[in-house]
């Protein structure tokens, strides 16, 4: 029973991460700013990301943390006026 519960929780966590990645990616794309977009592509979610891309990032704790950290750095830079967005 514990293994089934653990597996279900891990799958839910992965699905939540995938949804977060998709939302972050869309927010970056919505900026329409090439500098932001280029920065995101180099270290964030790949261009024209597939479901497999999202799953890979979501399943890897380190990779997911790096993408989330980058997203927050970009959003902070936008708020501080680093970009013309």
PDB file of N, CA and C in Angstrom:
ATOM      1  N   UNK A   1       0.821  -1.192   0.000  1.00  0.00           N
ATOM      2  CA  UNK A   1       0.000   0.000   0.000  1.00  0.00           C
ATOM      3  C   UNK A   1       0.867   1.260   0.000  1.00  0.00           C
ATOM      4  N   UNK A   2       1.928   1.256   0.792  1.00  0.00           N
ATOM      5  CA  UNK A   2       2.802   2.417   0.879  1.00  0.00           C
ATOM      6  C   UNK A   2       3.447   2.713  -0.468  1.00  0.00           C
ATOM      7  N   UNK A   3       3.876   1.684  -1.196  1.00  0.00           N
ATOM      8  CA  UNK A   3       4.481   1.890  -2.500  1.00  0.00           C
ATOM      9  C   UNK A   3       3.512   2.525  -3.494  1.00  0.00           C
ATOM     10  N   UNK A   4       2.267   2.118  -3.447  1.00  0.00           N
ATOM     11  CA  UNK A   4       1.259   2.678  -4.346  1.00  0.00           C
ATOM     12  C   UNK A   4       1.020   4.143  -3.998  1.00  0.00           C
ATOM     13  N   UNK A   5       0.904   4.451  -2.718  1.00  0.00           N
ATOM     14  CA  UNK A   5       0.693   5.830  -2.276  1.00  0.00           C
ATOM     15  C   UNK A   5       1.878   6.698  -2.666  1.00  0.00           C
ATOM     16  N   UNK A   6       3.077   6.204  -2.455  1.00  0.00           N
ATOM     17  CA  UNK A   6       4.290   6.948  -2.804  1.00  0.00           C
ATOM     18  C   UNK A   6       4.340   7.210  -4.314  1.00  0.00           C
ATOM     19  N   UNK A   7       4.026   6.202  -5.093  1.00  0.00           N
ATOM     20  CA  UNK A   7       4.037   6.352  -6.550  1.00  0.00           C
ATOM     21  C   UNK A   7       3.004   7.394  -6.992  1.00  0.00           C
ATOM     22  N   UNK A   8       1.830   7.354  -6.390  1.00  0.00           N
ATOM     23  CA  UNK A   8       0.775   8.312  -6.717  1.00  0.00           C
ATOM     24  C   UNK A   8       1.208   9.732  -6.364  1.00  0.00           C
ATOM     25  N   UNK A   9       1.813   9.907  -5.206  1.00  0.00           N
ATOM     26  CA  UNK A   9       2.298  11.229  -4.802  1.00  0.00           C
ATOM     27  C   UNK A   9       3.385  11.730  -5.744  1.00  0.00           C
ATOM     28  N   UNK A  10       4.282  10.864  -6.151  1.00  0.00           N
ATOM     29  CA  UNK A  10       5.358  11.257  -7.061  1.00  0.00           C
ATOM     30  C   UNK A  10       4.788  11.653  -8.426  1.00  0.00           C
ATOM     31  N   UNK A  11       3.787  10.932  -8.887  1.00  0.00           N
ATOM     32  CA  UNK A  11       3.167  11.247 -10.176  1.00  0.00           C
ATOM     33  C   UNK A  11       2.444  12.595 -10.097  1.00  0.00           C
ATOM     34  N   UNK A  12       1.769  12.843  -8.972  1.00  0.00           N
ATOM     35  CA  UNK A  12       1.084  14.120  -8.774  1.00  0.00           C
ATOM     36  C   UNK A  12       2.097  15.254  -8.736  1.00  0.00           C
ATOM     37  N   UNK A  13       3.218  15.049  -8.071  1.00  0.00           N
ATOM     38  CA  UNK A  13       4.278  16.052  -8.003  1.00  0.00           C
ATOM     39  C   UNK A  13       4.812  16.342  -9.409  1.00  0.00           C
ATOM     40  N   UNK A  14       5.035  15.299 -10.184  1.00  0.00           N
ATOM     41  CA  UNK A  14       5.536  15.461 -11.550  1.00  0.00           C
ATOM     42  C   UNK A  14       4.536  16.240 -12.395  1.00  0.00           C
ATOM     43  N   UNK A  15       3.266  15.906 -12.296  1.00  0.00           N
ATOM     44  CA  UNK A  15       2.233  16.595 -13.064  1.00  0.00           C
ATOM     45  C   UNK A  15       2.157  18.070 -12.667  1.00  0.00           C
ATOM     46  N   UNK A  16       2.273  18.351 -11.383  1.00  0.00           N
ATOM     47  CA  UNK A  16       2.249  19.738 -10.912  1.00  0.00           C
ATOM     48  C   UNK A  16       3.462  20.507 -11.440  1.00  0.00           C
ATOM     49  N   UNK A  17       4.611  19.856 -11.454  1.00  0.00           N
ATOM     50  CA  UNK A  17       5.813  20.492 -11.981  1.00  0.00           C
ATOM     51  C   UNK A  17       5.676  20.772 -13.480  1.00  0.00           C
ATOM     52  N   UNK A  18       5.137  19.820 -14.205  1.00  0.00           N
ATOM     53  CA  UNK A  18       4.948  20.012 -15.648  1.00  0.00           C
ATOM     54  C   UNK A  18       4.029  21.200 -15.894  1.00  0.00           C
ATOM     55  N   UNK A  19       2.951  21.278 -15.155  1.00  0.00           N
ATOM     56  CA  UNK A  19       2.022  22.403 -15.316  1.00  0.00           C
ATOM     57  C   UNK A  19       2.722  23.724 -14.989  1.00  0.00           C
ATOM     58  N   UNK A  20       3.529  23.747 -13.941  1.00  0.00           N
ATOM     59  CA  UNK A  20       4.280  24.958 -13.581  1.00  0.00           C
ATOM     60  C   UNK A  20       5.255  25.344 -14.682  1.00  0.00           C
ATOM     61  N   UNK A  21       5.951  24.365 -15.228  1.00  0.00           N
ATOM     62  CA  UNK A  21       6.896  24.638 -16.314  1.00  0.00           C
ATOM     63  C   UNK A  21       6.193  25.234 -17.526  1.00  0.00           C
ATOM     64  N   UNK A  22       5.040  24.686 -17.865  1.00  0.00           N
ATOM     65  CA  UNK A  22       4.288  25.195 -19.011  1.00  0.00           C
ATOM     66  C   UNK A  22       3.831  26.634 -18.773  1.00  0.00           C
ATOM     67  N   UNK A  23       3.386  26.929 -17.562  1.00  0.00           N
ATOM     68  CA  UNK A  23       2.951  28.287 -17.234  1.00  0.00           C
ATOM     69  C   UNK A  23       4.122  29.270 -17.267  1.00  0.00           C
ATOM     70  N   UNK A  24       5.260  28.862 -16.698  1.00  0.00           N
ATOM     71  CA  UNK A  24       6.443  29.729 -16.722  1.00  0.00           C
ATOM     72  C   UNK A  24       6.886  29.962 -18.157  1.00  0.00           C
ATOM     73  N   UNK A  25       6.915  28.907 -18.950  1.00  0.00           N
ATOM     74  CA  UNK A  25       7.336  29.029 -20.338  1.00  0.00           C
ATOM     75  C   UNK A  25       6.422  29.985 -21.099  1.00  0.00           C
ATOM     76  N   UNK A  26       5.129  29.858 -20.895  1.00  0.00           N
ATOM     77  CA  UNK A  26       4.181  30.731 -21.585  1.00  0.00           C
ATOM     78  C   UNK A  26       4.367  32.184 -21.166  1.00  0.00           C
ATOM     79  N   UNK A  27       4.606  32.403 -19.879  1.00  0.00           N
ATOM     80  CA  UNK A  27       4.829  33.772 -19.393  1.00  0.00           C
ATOM     81  C   UNK A  27       6.058  34.387 -20.055  1.00  0.00           C
ATOM     82  N   UNK A  28       7.119  33.603 -20.205  1.00  0.00           N
ATOM     83  CA  UNK A  28       8.331  34.083 -20.870  1.00  0.00           C
ATOM     84  C   UNK A  28       8.027  34.394 -22.333  1.00  0.00           C
ATOM     85  N   UNK A  29       7.337  33.504 -23.005  1.00  0.00           N
ATOM     86  CA  UNK A  29       6.990  33.731 -24.411  1.00  0.00           C
ATOM     87  C   UNK A  29       6.110  34.967 -24.577  1.00  0.00           C
ATOM     88  N   UNK A  30       5.221  35.184 -23.620  1.00  0.00           N
ATOM     89  CA  UNK A  30       4.299  36.320 -23.693  1.00  0.00           C
ATOM     90  C   UNK A  30       5.002  37.667 -23.558  1.00  0.00           C
ATOM     91  N   UNK A  31       6.222  37.679 -23.037  1.00  0.00           N
ATOM     92  CA  UNK A  31       6.928  38.958 -22.911  1.00  0.00           C
ATOM     93  C   UNK A  31       7.220  39.538 -24.289  1.00  0.00           C
ATOM     94  N   UNK A  32       7.431  38.671 -25.279  1.00  0.00           N
ATOM     95  CA  UNK A  32       7.758  39.132 -26.619  1.00  0.00           C
ATOM     96  C   UNK A  32       9.122  39.799 -26.713  1.00  0.00           C
ATOM     97  N   UNK A  33       9.935  39.637 -25.681  1.00  0.00           N
ATOM     98  CA  UNK A  33      11.256  40.270 -25.635  1.00  0.00           C
ATOM     99  C   UNK A  33      12.321  39.241 -26.022  1.00  0.00           C
ATOM    100  N   UNK A  34      13.033  39.519 -27.104  1.00  0.00           N
ATOM    101  CA  UNK A  34      14.039  38.571 -27.611  1.00  0.00           C
ATOM    102  C   UNK A  34      15.163  38.299 -26.603  1.00  0.00           C
ATOM    103  N   UNK A  35      15.579  39.322 -25.858  1.00  0.00           N
ATOM    104  CA  UNK A  35      16.653  39.118 -24.874  1.00  0.00           C
ATOM    105  C   UNK A  35      16.209  38.157 -23.772  1.00  0.00           C
ATOM    106  N   UNK A  36      14.976  38.350 -23.310  1.00  0.00           N
ATOM    107  CA  UNK A  36      14.437  37.453 -22.278  1.00  0.00           C
ATOM    108  C   UNK A  36      14.294  36.057 -22.847  1.00  0.00           C
ATOM    109  N   UNK A  37      13.743  35.976 -24.036  1.00  0.00           N
ATOM    110  CA  UNK A  37      13.506  34.691 -24.677  1.00  0.00           C
ATOM    111  C   UNK A  37      14.814  33.935 -24.901  1.00  0.00           C
ATOM    112  N   UNK A  38      15.843  34.633 -25.385  1.00  0.00           N
ATOM    113  CA  UNK A  38      17.149  33.996 -25.606  1.00  0.00           C
ATOM    114  C   UNK A  38      17.747  33.475 -24.311  1.00  0.00           C
ATOM    115  N   UNK A  39      17.637  34.265 -23.269  1.00  0.00           N
ATOM    116  CA  UNK A  39      18.153  33.833 -21.959  1.00  0.00           C
ATOM    117  C   UNK A  39      17.424  32.578 -21.487  1.00  0.00           C
ATOM    118  N   UNK A  40      16.127  32.552 -21.666  1.00  0.00           N
ATOM    119  CA  UNK A  40      15.308  31.410 -21.260  1.00  0.00           C
ATOM    120  C   UNK A  40      15.665  30.162 -22.062  1.00  0.00           C
ATOM    121  N   UNK A  41      15.851  30.333 -23.373  1.00  0.00           N
ATOM    122  CA  UNK A  41      16.177  29.182 -24.217  1.00  0.00           C
ATOM    123  C   UNK A  41      17.535  28.577 -23.871  1.00  0.00           C
ATOM    124  N   UNK A  42      18.482  29.415 -23.492  1.00  0.00           N
ATOM    125  CA  UNK A  42      19.828  28.923 -23.191  1.00  0.00           C
ATOM    126  C   UNK A  42      19.864  28.092 -21.913  1.00  0.00           C
ATOM    127  N   UNK A  43      19.049  28.444 -20.935  1.00  0.00           N
ATOM    128  CA  UNK A  43      19.151  27.780 -19.632  1.00  0.00           C
ATOM    129  C   UNK A  43      17.815  27.305 -19.079  1.00  0.00           C
ATOM    130  N   UNK A  44      16.739  27.530 -19.803  1.00  0.00           N
ATOM    131  CA  UNK A  44      15.421  27.162 -19.291  1.00  0.00           C
ATOM    132  C   UNK A  44      14.794  26.052 -20.098  1.00  0.00           C
ATOM    133  N   UNK A  45      13.559  26.265 -20.471  1.00  0.00           N
ATOM    134  CA  UNK A  45      12.815  25.286 -21.257  1.00  0.00           C
ATOM    135  C   UNK A  45      13.211  25.436 -22.724  1.00  0.00           C
ATOM    136  N   UNK A  46      13.452  24.337 -23.426  1.00  0.00           N
ATOM    137  CA  UNK A  46      13.869  24.425 -24.832  1.00  0.00           C
ATOM    138  C   UNK A  46      12.801  25.051 -25.731  1.00  0.00           C
ATOM    139  N   UNK A  47      13.257  25.562 -26.861  1.00  0.00           N
ATOM    140  CA  UNK A  47      12.361  26.117 -27.870  1.00  0.00           C
ATOM    141  C   UNK A  47      11.415  25.020 -28.360  1.00  0.00           C
ATOM    142  N   UNK A  48      10.150  25.376 -28.477  1.00  0.00           N
ATOM    143  CA  UNK A  48       9.122  24.427 -28.915  1.00  0.00           C
ATOM    144  C   UNK A  48       9.185  23.125 -28.108  1.00  0.00           C
ATOM    145  N   UNK A  49       9.186  23.284 -26.794  1.00  0.00           N
ATOM    146  CA  UNK A  49       9.305  22.147 -25.880  1.00  0.00           C
ATOM    147  C   UNK A  49       8.203  21.114 -26.121  1.00  0.00           C
ATOM    148  N   UNK A  50       8.604  19.868 -26.041  1.00  0.00           N
ATOM    149  CA  UNK A  50       7.664  18.755 -26.173  1.00  0.00           C
ATOM    150  C   UNK A  50       7.279  18.277 -24.779  1.00  0.00           C
ATOM    151  N   UNK A  51       6.305  17.403 -24.727  1.00  0.00           N
ATOM    152  CA  UNK A  51       5.909  16.811 -23.446  1.00  0.00           C
ATOM    153  C   UNK A  51       7.095  16.074 -22.811  1.00  0.00           C
ATOM    154  N   UNK A  52       7.916  15.435 -23.644  1.00  0.00           N
ATOM    155  CA  UNK A  52       9.114  14.749 -23.139  1.00  0.00           C
ATOM    156  C   UNK A  52      10.090  15.731 -22.498  1.00  0.00           C
ATOM    157  N   UNK A  53      10.243  16.920 -23.089  1.00  0.00           N
ATOM    158  CA  UNK A  53      11.114  17.947 -22.502  1.00  0.00           C
ATOM    159  C   UNK A  53      10.614  18.350 -21.120  1.00  0.00           C
ATOM    160  N   UNK A  54       9.326  18.608 -21.030  1.00  0.00           N
ATOM    161  CA  UNK A  54       8.743  18.996 -19.742  1.00  0.00           C
ATOM    162  C   UNK A  54       8.897  17.872 -18.709  1.00  0.00           C
ATOM    163  N   UNK A  55       8.671  16.643 -19.126  1.00  0.00           N
ATOM    164  CA  UNK A  55       8.802  15.510 -18.207  1.00  0.00           C
ATOM    165  C   UNK A  55      10.235  15.355 -17.719  1.00  0.00           C
ATOM    166  N   UNK A  56      11.207  15.507 -18.614  1.00  0.00           N
ATOM    167  CA  UNK A  56      12.609  15.388 -18.225  1.00  0.00           C
ATOM    168  C   UNK A  56      12.950  16.407 -17.145  1.00  0.00           C
ATOM    169  N   UNK A  57      12.559  17.651 -17.351  1.00  0.00           N
ATOM    170  CA  UNK A  57      12.862  18.694 -16.365  1.00  0.00           C
ATOM    171  C   UNK A  57      12.122  18.419 -15.061  1.00  0.00           C
ATOM    172  N   UNK A  58      10.853  18.043 -15.152  1.00  0.00           N
ATOM    173  CA  UNK A  58      10.036  17.811 -13.964  1.00  0.00           C
ATOM    174  C   UNK A  58      10.553  16.652 -13.118  1.00  0.00           C
ATOM    175  N   UNK A  59      11.113  15.642 -13.735  1.00  0.00           N
ATOM    176  CA  UNK A  59      11.584  14.454 -13.025  1.00  0.00           C
ATOM    177  C   UNK A  59      12.959  14.652 -12.396  1.00  0.00           C
ATOM    178  N   UNK A  60      13.675  15.659 -12.807  1.00  0.00           N
ATOM    179  CA  UNK A  60      15.033  15.890 -12.330  1.00  0.00           C
ATOM    180  C   UNK A  60      15.009  17.084 -11.364  1.00  0.00           C
ATOM    181  N   UNK A  61      15.180  16.818 -10.065  1.00  0.00           N
ATOM    182  CA  UNK A  61      15.087  17.871  -9.055  1.00  0.00           C
ATOM    183  C   UNK A  61      16.027  19.033  -9.323  1.00  0.00           C
ATOM    184  N   UNK A  62      17.255  18.731  -9.678  1.00  0.00           N
ATOM    185  CA  UNK A  62      18.255  19.771  -9.923  1.00  0.00           C
ATOM    186  C   UNK A  62      17.882  20.604 -11.150  1.00  0.00           C
ATOM    187  N   UNK A  63      17.498  19.938 -12.201  1.00  0.00           N
ATOM    188  CA  UNK A  63      17.107  20.627 -13.438  1.00  0.00           C
ATOM    189  C   UNK A  63      15.879  21.508 -13.192  1.00  0.00           C
ATOM    190  N   UNK A  64      14.901  20.972 -12.491  1.00  0.00           N
ATOM    191  CA  UNK A  64      13.687  21.730 -12.198  1.00  0.00           C
ATOM    192  C   UNK A  64      14.017  22.960 -11.364  1.00  0.00           C
ATOM    193  N   UNK A  65      14.836  22.799 -10.345  1.00  0.00           N
ATOM    194  CA  UNK A  65      15.230  23.925  -9.493  1.00  0.00           C
ATOM    195  C   UNK A  65      15.943  24.998 -10.314  1.00  0.00           C
ATOM    196  N   UNK A  66      16.842  24.589 -11.196  1.00  0.00           N
ATOM    197  CA  UNK A  66      17.565  25.553 -12.033  1.00  0.00           C
ATOM    198  C   UNK A  66      16.613  26.370 -12.910  1.00  0.00           C
ATOM    199  N   UNK A  67      15.627  25.709 -13.491  1.00  0.00           N
ATOM    200  CA  UNK A  67      14.668  26.399 -14.358  1.00  0.00           C
ATOM    201  C   UNK A  67      13.808  27.366 -13.539  1.00  0.00           C
ATOM    202  N   UNK A  68      13.345  26.914 -12.385  1.00  0.00           N
ATOM    203  CA  UNK A  68      12.529  27.778 -11.525  1.00  0.00           C
ATOM    204  C   UNK A  68      13.345  28.988 -11.062  1.00  0.00           C
ATOM    205  N   UNK A  69      14.583  28.756 -10.659  1.00  0.00           N
ATOM    206  CA  UNK A  69      15.453  29.858 -10.236  1.00  0.00           C
ATOM    207  C   UNK A  69      15.662  30.861 -11.365  1.00  0.00           C
ATOM    208  N   UNK A  70      15.897  30.371 -12.566  1.00  0.00           N
ATOM    209  CA  UNK A  70      16.078  31.254 -13.713  1.00  0.00           C
ATOM    210  C   UNK A  70      14.813  32.069 -13.964  1.00  0.00           C
ATOM    211  N   UNK A  71      13.669  31.426 -13.916  1.00  0.00           N
ATOM    212  CA  UNK A  71      12.405  32.129 -14.117  1.00  0.00           C
ATOM    213  C   UNK A  71      12.272  33.279 -13.122  1.00  0.00           C
ATOM    214  N   UNK A  72      12.564  33.017 -11.855  1.00  0.00           N
ATOM    215  CA  UNK A  72      12.449  34.064 -10.839  1.00  0.00           C
ATOM    216  C   UNK A  72      13.480  35.179 -11.049  1.00  0.00           C
ATOM    217  N   UNK A  73      14.671  34.834 -11.479  1.00  0.00           N
ATOM    218  CA  UNK A  73      15.673  35.872 -11.789  1.00  0.00           C
ATOM    219  C   UNK A  73      15.190  36.755 -12.937  1.00  0.00           C
ATOM    220  N   UNK A  74      14.634  36.141 -13.973  1.00  0.00           N
ATOM    221  CA  UNK A  74      14.126  36.910 -15.108  1.00  0.00           C
ATOM    222  C   UNK A  74      12.976  37.814 -14.660  1.00  0.00           C
ATOM    223  N   UNK A  75      12.048  37.275 -13.885  1.00  0.00           N
ATOM    224  CA  UNK A  75      10.918  38.084 -13.420  1.00  0.00           C
ATOM    225  C   UNK A  75      11.399  39.242 -12.541  1.00  0.00           C
ATOM    226  N   UNK A  76      12.387  38.994 -11.696  1.00  0.00           N
ATOM    227  CA  UNK A  76      12.953  40.071 -10.872  1.00  0.00           C
ATOM    228  C   UNK A  76      13.618  41.119 -11.748  1.00  0.00           C
ATOM    229  N   UNK A  77      14.343  40.688 -12.766  1.00  0.00           N
ATOM    230  CA  UNK A  77      14.989  41.632 -13.681  1.00  0.00           C
ATOM    231  C   UNK A  77      13.942  42.485 -14.409  1.00  0.00           C
ATOM    232  N   UNK A  78      12.832  41.879 -14.783  1.00  0.00           N
ATOM    233  CA  UNK A  78      11.753  42.635 -15.433  1.00  0.00           C
ATOM    234  C   UNK A  78      11.228  43.703 -14.472  1.00  0.00           C
ATOM    235  N   UNK A  79      10.968  43.300 -13.229  1.00  0.00           N
ATOM    236  CA  UNK A  79      10.461  44.245 -12.233  1.00  0.00           C
ATOM    237  C   UNK A  79      11.431  45.384 -11.966  1.00  0.00           C
ATOM    238  N   UNK A  80      12.719  45.097 -12.028  1.00  0.00           N
ATOM    239  CA  UNK A  80      13.741  46.109 -11.759  1.00  0.00           C
ATOM    240  C   UNK A  80      14.069  46.950 -12.998  1.00  0.00           C
ATOM    241  N   UNK A  81      13.415  46.660 -14.113  1.00  0.00           N
ATOM    242  CA  UNK A  81      13.600  47.462 -15.301  1.00  0.00           C
ATOM    243  C   UNK A  81      14.821  47.119 -16.132  1.00  0.00           C
ATOM    244  N   UNK A  82      15.381  45.931 -15.923  1.00  0.00           N
ATOM    245  CA  UNK A  82      16.540  45.513 -16.705  1.00  0.00           C
ATOM    246  C   UNK A  82      16.167  45.371 -18.185  1.00  0.00           C
ATOM    247  N   UNK A  83      14.930  44.935 -18.424  1.00  0.00           N
ATOM    248  CA  UNK A  83      14.440  44.785 -19.791  1.00  0.00           C
ATOM    249  C   UNK A  83      13.413  45.869 -20.079  1.00  0.00           C
ATOM    250  N   UNK A  84      13.206  46.174 -21.342  1.00  0.00           N
ATOM    251  CA  UNK A  84      12.242  47.181 -21.753  1.00  0.00           C
ATOM    252  C   UNK A  84      10.809  46.658 -21.751  1.00  0.00           C
ATOM    253  N   UNK A  85      10.625  45.431 -21.387  1.00  0.00           N
ATOM    254  CA  UNK A  85       9.319  44.779 -21.428  1.00  0.00           C
ATOM    255  C   UNK A  85       8.274  45.583 -20.720  1.00  0.00           C
TER     256      UNK A  85
END
